[in-house]
Amino acid sequence: MKDYKNGYRPSDPQDMSHNLVELGKGDVDLKAIVDWGEHNGVQYYAIEQDFSQIGMFSSMRESFEYLSNL
């Protein structure tokens, strides 16, 4: 799973530093994705973080906590 702010352009590597964010801080409807997954038998979710403004481990911790509390 990955979250980003509206306007993110994957083709522009410079854009990662401004728009890739921890889960729950962007504009992706992650609750809807997880709800769909739970309804359709998804057992595992992977968190992907290409860039972090707060450090990779801090980003992963925040994203995991958000996902765990949905």
PDB file of N, CA and C in Angstrom:
ATOM      1  N   MET A   1       0.845  -1.156   0.000  1.00  0.00           N
ATOM      2  CA  MET A   1       0.000   0.000   0.000  1.00  0.00           C
ATOM      3  C   MET A   1       0.899   1.229   0.000  1.00  0.00           C
ATOM      4  N   LYS A   2       0.409   2.254  -0.650  1.00  0.00           N
ATOM      5  CA  LYS A   2       1.160   3.496  -0.764  1.00  0.00           C
ATOM      6  C   LYS A   2       0.160   4.634  -0.716  1.00  0.00           C
ATOM      7  N   ASP A   3       0.538   5.737  -0.106  1.00  0.00           N
ATOM      8  CA  ASP A   3      -0.338   6.903  -0.059  1.00  0.00           C
ATOM      9  C   ASP A   3       0.407   8.082  -0.668  1.00  0.00           C
ATOM     10  N   TYR A   4      -0.337   8.958  -1.272  1.00  0.00           N
ATOM     11  CA  TYR A   4       0.233  10.155  -1.870  1.00  0.00           C
ATOM     12  C   TYR A   4      -0.824  11.241  -1.916  1.00  0.00           C
ATOM     13  N   LYS A   5      -0.344  12.459  -2.086  1.00  0.00           N
ATOM     14  CA  LYS A   5      -1.246  13.602  -2.198  1.00  0.00           C
ATOM     15  C   LYS A   5      -1.665  13.764  -3.648  1.00  0.00           C
ATOM     16  N   ASN A   6      -2.848  14.324  -3.866  1.00  0.00           N
ATOM     17  CA  ASN A   6      -3.291  14.608  -5.230  1.00  0.00           C
ATOM     18  C   ASN A   6      -2.245  15.437  -5.948  1.00  0.00           C
ATOM     19  N   GLY A   7      -2.049  15.127  -7.203  1.00  0.00           N
ATOM     20  CA  GLY A   7      -1.065  15.839  -8.004  1.00  0.00           C
ATOM     21  C   GLY A   7       0.235  15.084  -8.167  1.00  0.00           C
ATOM     22  N   TYR A   8       0.387  13.953  -7.483  1.00  0.00           N
ATOM     23  CA  TYR A   8       1.622  13.161  -7.592  1.00  0.00           C
ATOM     24  C   TYR A   8       1.804  12.663  -9.015  1.00  0.00           C
ATOM     25  N   ARG A   9       3.010  12.856  -9.545  1.00  0.00           N
ATOM     26  CA  ARG A   9       3.351  12.404 -10.891  1.00  0.00           C
ATOM     27  C   ARG A   9       4.459  11.360 -10.784  1.00  0.00           C
ATOM     28  N   PRO A  10       4.121  10.071 -10.879  1.00  0.00           N
ATOM     29  CA  PRO A  10       5.133   9.014 -10.736  1.00  0.00           C
ATOM     30  C   PRO A  10       6.273   9.129 -11.737  1.00  0.00           C
ATOM     31  N   SER A  11       6.037   9.750 -12.875  1.00  0.00           N
ATOM     32  CA  SER A  11       7.077   9.884 -13.888  1.00  0.00           C
ATOM     33  C   SER A  11       8.123  10.934 -13.515  1.00  0.00           C
ATOM     34  N   ASP A  12       7.873  11.713 -12.472  1.00  0.00           N
ATOM     35  CA  ASP A  12       8.790  12.777 -12.051  1.00  0.00           C
ATOM     36  C   ASP A  12       9.419  12.417 -10.711  1.00  0.00           C
ATOM     37  N   PRO A  13      10.676  11.908 -10.717  1.00  0.00           N
ATOM     38  CA  PRO A  13      11.321  11.504  -9.458  1.00  0.00           C
ATOM     39  C   PRO A  13      11.401  12.623  -8.422  1.00  0.00           C
ATOM     40  N   GLN A  14      11.465  13.874  -8.856  1.00  0.00           N
ATOM     41  CA  GLN A  14      11.526  15.007  -7.941  1.00  0.00           C
ATOM     42  C   GLN A  14      10.222  15.142  -7.145  1.00  0.00           C
ATOM     43  N   ASP A  15       9.147  14.623  -7.703  1.00  0.00           N
ATOM     44  CA  ASP A  15       7.831  14.770  -7.099  1.00  0.00           C
ATOM     45  C   ASP A  15       7.674  13.927  -5.828  1.00  0.00           C
ATOM     46  N   MET A  16       8.491  12.883  -5.676  1.00  0.00           N
ATOM     47  CA  MET A  16       8.374  12.011  -4.508  1.00  0.00           C
ATOM     48  C   MET A  16       8.558  12.775  -3.200  1.00  0.00           C
ATOM     49  N   SER A  17       9.477  13.704  -3.180  1.00  0.00           N
ATOM     50  CA  SER A  17       9.782  14.412  -1.937  1.00  0.00           C
ATOM     51  C   SER A  17       8.649  15.323  -1.484  1.00  0.00           C
ATOM     52  N   HIS A  18       7.719  15.621  -2.364  1.00  0.00           N
ATOM     53  CA  HIS A  18       6.620  16.513  -2.003  1.00  0.00           C
ATOM     54  C   HIS A  18       5.286  15.796  -1.808  1.00  0.00           C
ATOM     55  N   ASN A  19       5.133  14.633  -2.426  1.00  0.00           N
ATOM     56  CA  ASN A  19       3.804  14.047  -2.466  1.00  0.00           C
ATOM     57  C   ASN A  19       3.671  12.638  -1.904  1.00  0.00           C
ATOM     58  N   LEU A  20       4.747  11.893  -1.731  1.00  0.00           N
ATOM     59  CA  LEU A  20       4.629  10.574  -1.112  1.00  0.00           C
ATOM     60  C   LEU A  20       4.619  10.758   0.398  1.00  0.00           C
ATOM     61  N   VAL A  21       3.616  10.194   1.043  1.00  0.00           N
ATOM     62  CA  VAL A  21       3.442  10.391   2.484  1.00  0.00           C
ATOM     63  C   VAL A  21       3.107   9.065   3.158  1.00  0.00           C
ATOM     64  N   GLU A  22       3.105   9.087   4.480  1.00  0.00           N
ATOM     65  CA  GLU A  22       2.754   7.908   5.247  1.00  0.00           C
ATOM     66  C   GLU A  22       1.268   7.595   5.050  1.00  0.00           C
ATOM     67  N   LEU A  23       0.912   6.322   5.247  1.00  0.00           N
ATOM     68  CA  LEU A  23      -0.482   5.922   5.092  1.00  0.00           C
ATOM     69  C   LEU A  23      -1.369   6.767   5.989  1.00  0.00           C
ATOM     70  N   GLY A  24      -2.476   7.223   5.421  1.00  0.00           N
ATOM     71  CA  GLY A  24      -3.435   8.033   6.159  1.00  0.00           C
ATOM     72  C   GLY A  24      -3.197   9.523   6.076  1.00  0.00           C
ATOM     73  N   LYS A  25      -2.064   9.934   5.507  1.00  0.00           N
ATOM     74  CA  LYS A  25      -1.771  11.365   5.400  1.00  0.00           C
ATOM     75  C   LYS A  25      -1.978  11.900   3.987  1.00  0.00           C
ATOM     76  N   GLY A  26      -2.325  11.016   3.080  1.00  0.00           N
ATOM     77  CA  GLY A  26      -2.514  11.426   1.689  1.00  0.00           C
ATOM     78  C   GLY A  26      -3.971  11.391   1.288  1.00  0.00           C
ATOM     79  N   ASP A  27      -4.194  11.274  -0.004  1.00  0.00           N
ATOM     80  CA  ASP A  27      -5.539  11.359  -0.556  1.00  0.00           C
ATOM     81  C   ASP A  27      -6.104  10.017  -1.035  1.00  0.00           C
ATOM     82  N   VAL A  28      -5.357   8.927  -0.866  1.00  0.00           N
ATOM     83  CA  VAL A  28      -5.852   7.617  -1.265  1.00  0.00           C
ATOM     84  C   VAL A  28      -6.853   7.129  -0.216  1.00  0.00           C
ATOM     85  N   ASP A  29      -7.981   6.597  -0.670  1.00  0.00           N
ATOM     86  CA  ASP A  29      -9.012   6.092   0.246  1.00  0.00           C
ATOM     87  C   ASP A  29      -8.624   4.688   0.714  1.00  0.00           C
ATOM     88  N   LEU A  30      -7.691   4.643   1.658  1.00  0.00           N
ATOM     89  CA  LEU A  30      -7.170   3.360   2.133  1.00  0.00           C
ATOM     90  C   LEU A  30      -8.218   2.553   2.884  1.00  0.00           C
ATOM     91  N   LYS A  31      -9.121   3.214   3.575  1.00  0.00           N
ATOM     92  CA  LYS A  31     -10.183   2.490   4.280  1.00  0.00           C
ATOM     93  C   LYS A  31     -11.020   1.690   3.297  1.00  0.00           C
ATOM     94  N   ALA A  32     -11.352   2.278   2.167  1.00  0.00           N
ATOM     95  CA  ALA A  32     -12.130   1.567   1.151  1.00  0.00           C
ATOM     96  C   ALA A  32     -11.345   0.378   0.598  1.00  0.00           C
ATOM     97  N   ILE A  33     -10.049   0.542   0.422  1.00  0.00           N
ATOM     98  CA  ILE A  33      -9.210  -0.554  -0.075  1.00  0.00           C
ATOM     99  C   ILE A  33      -9.178  -1.697   0.934  1.00  0.00           C
ATOM    100  N   VAL A  34      -8.971  -1.373   2.201  1.00  0.00           N
ATOM    101  CA  VAL A  34      -8.928  -2.405   3.242  1.00  0.00           C
ATOM    102  C   VAL A  34     -10.296  -3.057   3.402  1.00  0.00           C
ATOM    103  N   ASP A  35     -11.357  -2.270   3.375  1.00  0.00           N
ATOM    104  CA  ASP A  35     -12.706  -2.848   3.467  1.00  0.00           C
ATOM    105  C   ASP A  35     -12.946  -3.842   2.338  1.00  0.00           C
ATOM    106  N   TRP A  36     -12.556  -3.461   1.121  1.00  0.00           N
ATOM    107  CA  TRP A  36     -12.700  -4.364  -0.014  1.00  0.00           C
ATOM    108  C   TRP A  36     -11.874  -5.630   0.208  1.00  0.00           C
ATOM    109  N   GLY A  37     -10.646  -5.446   0.674  1.00  0.00           N
ATOM    110  CA  GLY A  37      -9.766  -6.585   0.924  1.00  0.00           C
ATOM    111  C   GLY A  37     -10.322  -7.540   1.960  1.00  0.00           C
ATOM    112  N   GLU A  38     -10.851  -7.000   3.040  1.00  0.00           N
ATOM    113  CA  GLU A  38     -11.427  -7.839   4.089  1.00  0.00           C
ATOM    114  C   GLU A  38     -12.633  -8.608   3.560  1.00  0.00           C
ATOM    115  N   HIS A  39     -13.424  -7.973   2.740  1.00  0.00           N
ATOM    116  CA  HIS A  39     -14.608  -8.609   2.160  1.00  0.00           C
ATOM    117  C   HIS A  39     -14.244  -9.696   1.141  1.00  0.00           C
ATOM    118  N   ASN A  40     -13.056  -9.564   0.538  1.00  0.00           N
ATOM    119  CA  ASN A  40     -12.649 -10.474  -0.533  1.00  0.00           C
ATOM    120  C   ASN A  40     -11.499 -11.403  -0.157  1.00  0.00           C
ATOM    121  N   GLY A  41     -11.239 -11.570   1.123  1.00  0.00           N
ATOM    122  CA  GLY A  41     -10.289 -12.579   1.581  1.00  0.00           C
ATOM    123  C   GLY A  41      -8.821 -12.201   1.572  1.00  0.00           C
ATOM    124  N   VAL A  42      -8.493 -10.919   1.454  1.00  0.00           N
ATOM    125  CA  VAL A  42      -7.083 -10.526   1.522  1.00  0.00           C
ATOM    126  C   VAL A  42      -6.572 -10.787   2.933  1.00  0.00           C
ATOM    127  N   GLN A  43      -5.450 -11.466   3.040  1.00  0.00           N
ATOM    128  CA  GLN A  43      -4.896 -11.810   4.353  1.00  0.00           C
ATOM    129  C   GLN A  43      -3.718 -10.927   4.741  1.00  0.00           C
ATOM    130  N   TYR A  44      -2.990 -10.395   3.775  1.00  0.00           N
ATOM    131  CA  TYR A  44      -1.787  -9.622   4.058  1.00  0.00           C
ATOM    132  C   TYR A  44      -1.776  -8.333   3.241  1.00  0.00           C
ATOM    133  N   TYR A  45      -1.219  -7.296   3.821  1.00  0.00           N
ATOM    134  CA  TYR A  45      -1.039  -6.022   3.133  1.00  0.00           C
ATOM    135  C   TYR A  45       0.437  -5.644   3.251  1.00  0.00           C
ATOM    136  N   ALA A  46       0.990  -5.091   2.203  1.00  0.00           N
ATOM    137  CA  ALA A  46       2.383  -4.637   2.211  1.00  0.00           C
ATOM    138  C   ALA A  46       2.391  -3.117   2.162  1.00  0.00           C
ATOM    139  N   ILE A  47       3.236  -2.530   2.973  1.00  0.00           N
ATOM    140  CA  ILE A  47       3.402  -1.083   2.979  1.00  0.00           C
ATOM    141  C   ILE A  47       4.636  -0.760   2.145  1.00  0.00           C
ATOM    142  N   GLU A  48       4.476   0.116   1.176  1.00  0.00           N
ATOM    143  CA  GLU A  48       5.592   0.529   0.332  1.00  0.00           C
ATOM    144  C   GLU A  48       5.873   2.000   0.589  1.00  0.00           C
ATOM    145  N   GLN A  49       7.116   2.325   0.888  1.00  0.00           N
ATOM    146  CA  GLN A  49       7.498   3.716   1.146  1.00  0.00           C
ATOM    147  C   GLN A  49       8.750   4.009   0.337  1.00  0.00           C
ATOM    148  N   ASP A  50       8.587   4.714  -0.789  1.00  0.00           N
ATOM    149  CA  ASP A  50       9.711   5.030  -1.667  1.00  0.00           C
ATOM    150  C   ASP A  50      10.561   6.174  -1.147  1.00  0.00           C
ATOM    151  N   PHE A  51       9.946   7.059  -0.405  1.00  0.00           N
ATOM    152  CA  PHE A  51      10.630   8.262   0.074  1.00  0.00           C
ATOM    153  C   PHE A  51      10.035   8.648   1.416  1.00  0.00           C
ATOM    154  N   SER A  52      10.862   9.203   2.279  1.00  0.00           N
ATOM    155  CA  SER A  52      10.367   9.640   3.580  1.00  0.00           C
ATOM    156  C   SER A  52      11.026  10.948   3.984  1.00  0.00           C
ATOM    157  N   GLN A  53      10.216  11.876   4.451  1.00  0.00           N
ATOM    158  CA  GLN A  53      10.756  13.130   4.979  1.00  0.00           C
ATOM    159  C   GLN A  53      11.090  13.007   6.460  1.00  0.00           C
ATOM    160  N   ILE A  54      10.635  11.925   7.111  1.00  0.00           N
ATOM    161  CA  ILE A  54      10.851  11.769   8.558  1.00  0.00           C
ATOM    162  C   ILE A  54      11.709  10.551   8.893  1.00  0.00           C
ATOM    163  N   GLY A  55      12.291   9.913   7.886  1.00  0.00           N
ATOM    164  CA  GLY A  55      13.085   8.706   8.103  1.00  0.00           C
ATOM    165  C   GLY A  55      12.249   7.471   7.806  1.00  0.00           C
ATOM    166  N   MET A  56      12.854   6.509   7.150  1.00  0.00           N
ATOM    167  CA  MET A  56      12.109   5.337   6.683  1.00  0.00           C
ATOM    168  C   MET A  56      11.444   4.560   7.815  1.00  0.00           C
ATOM    169  N   PHE A  57      12.163   4.348   8.918  1.00  0.00           N
ATOM    170  CA  PHE A  57      11.578   3.560  10.005  1.00  0.00           C
ATOM    171  C   PHE A  57      10.431   4.302  10.687  1.00  0.00           C
ATOM    172  N   SER A  58      10.548   5.609  10.810  1.00  0.00           N
ATOM    173  CA  SER A  58       9.449   6.396  11.372  1.00  0.00           C
ATOM    174  C   SER A  58       8.239   6.348  10.442  1.00  0.00           C
ATOM    175  N   SER A  59       8.483   6.437   9.152  1.00  0.00           N
ATOM    176  CA  SER A  59       7.389   6.356   8.178  1.00  0.00           C
ATOM    177  C   SER A  59       6.697   5.002   8.248  1.00  0.00           C
ATOM    178  N   MET A  60       7.485   3.949   8.303  1.00  0.00           N
ATOM    179  CA  MET A  60       6.902   2.612   8.358  1.00  0.00           C
ATOM    180  C   MET A  60       6.093   2.423   9.644  1.00  0.00           C
ATOM    181  N   ARG A  61       6.612   2.935  10.753  1.00  0.00           N
ATOM    182  CA  ARG A  61       5.899   2.821  12.029  1.00  0.00           C
ATOM    183  C   ARG A  61       4.556   3.557  11.960  1.00  0.00           C
ATOM    184  N   GLU A  62       4.564   4.789  11.454  1.00  0.00           N
ATOM    185  CA  GLU A  62       3.316   5.561  11.346  1.00  0.00           C
ATOM    186  C   GLU A  62       2.320   4.875  10.418  1.00  0.00           C
ATOM    187  N   SER A  63       2.809   4.379   9.289  1.00  0.00           N
ATOM    188  CA  SER A  63       1.928   3.707   8.336  1.00  0.00           C
ATOM    189  C   SER A  63       1.351   2.426   8.935  1.00  0.00           C
ATOM    190  N   PHE A  64       2.177   1.661   9.633  1.00  0.00           N
ATOM    191  CA  PHE A  64       1.709   0.426  10.269  1.00  0.00           C
ATOM    192  C   PHE A  64       0.646   0.730  11.324  1.00  0.00           C
ATOM    193  N   GLU A  65       0.886   1.749  12.138  1.00  0.00           N
ATOM    194  CA  GLU A  65      -0.081   2.119  13.176  1.00  0.00           C
ATOM    195  C   GLU A  65      -1.405   2.552  12.548  1.00  0.00           C
ATOM    196  N   TYR A  66      -1.342   3.323  11.484  1.00  0.00           N
ATOM    197  CA  TYR A  66      -2.561   3.755  10.804  1.00  0.00           C
ATOM    198  C   TYR A  66      -3.326   2.545  10.273  1.00  0.00           C
ATOM    199  N   LEU A  67      -2.620   1.675   9.584  1.00  0.00           N
ATOM    200  CA  LEU A  67      -3.255   0.501   8.992  1.00  0.00           C
ATOM    201  C   LEU A  67      -3.837  -0.416  10.070  1.00  0.00           C
ATOM    202  N   SER A  68      -3.138  -0.554  11.174  1.00  0.00           N
ATOM    203  CA  SER A  68      -3.600  -1.416  12.266  1.00  0.00           C
ATOM    204  C   SER A  68      -4.877  -0.878  12.921  1.00  0.00           C
ATOM    205  N   ASN A  69      -5.090   0.420  12.855  1.00  0.00           N
ATOM    206  CA  ASN A  69      -6.239   1.031  13.514  1.00  0.00           C
ATOM    207  C   ASN A  69      -7.437   1.265  12.599  1.00  0.00           C
ATOM    208  N   LEU A  70      -7.350   0.830  11.352  1.00  0.00           N
ATOM    209  CA  LEU A  70      -8.507   0.989  10.461  1.00  0.00           C
ATOM    210  C   LEU A  70      -9.643   0.082  10.881  1.00  0.00           C
TER     211      LEU A  70
END
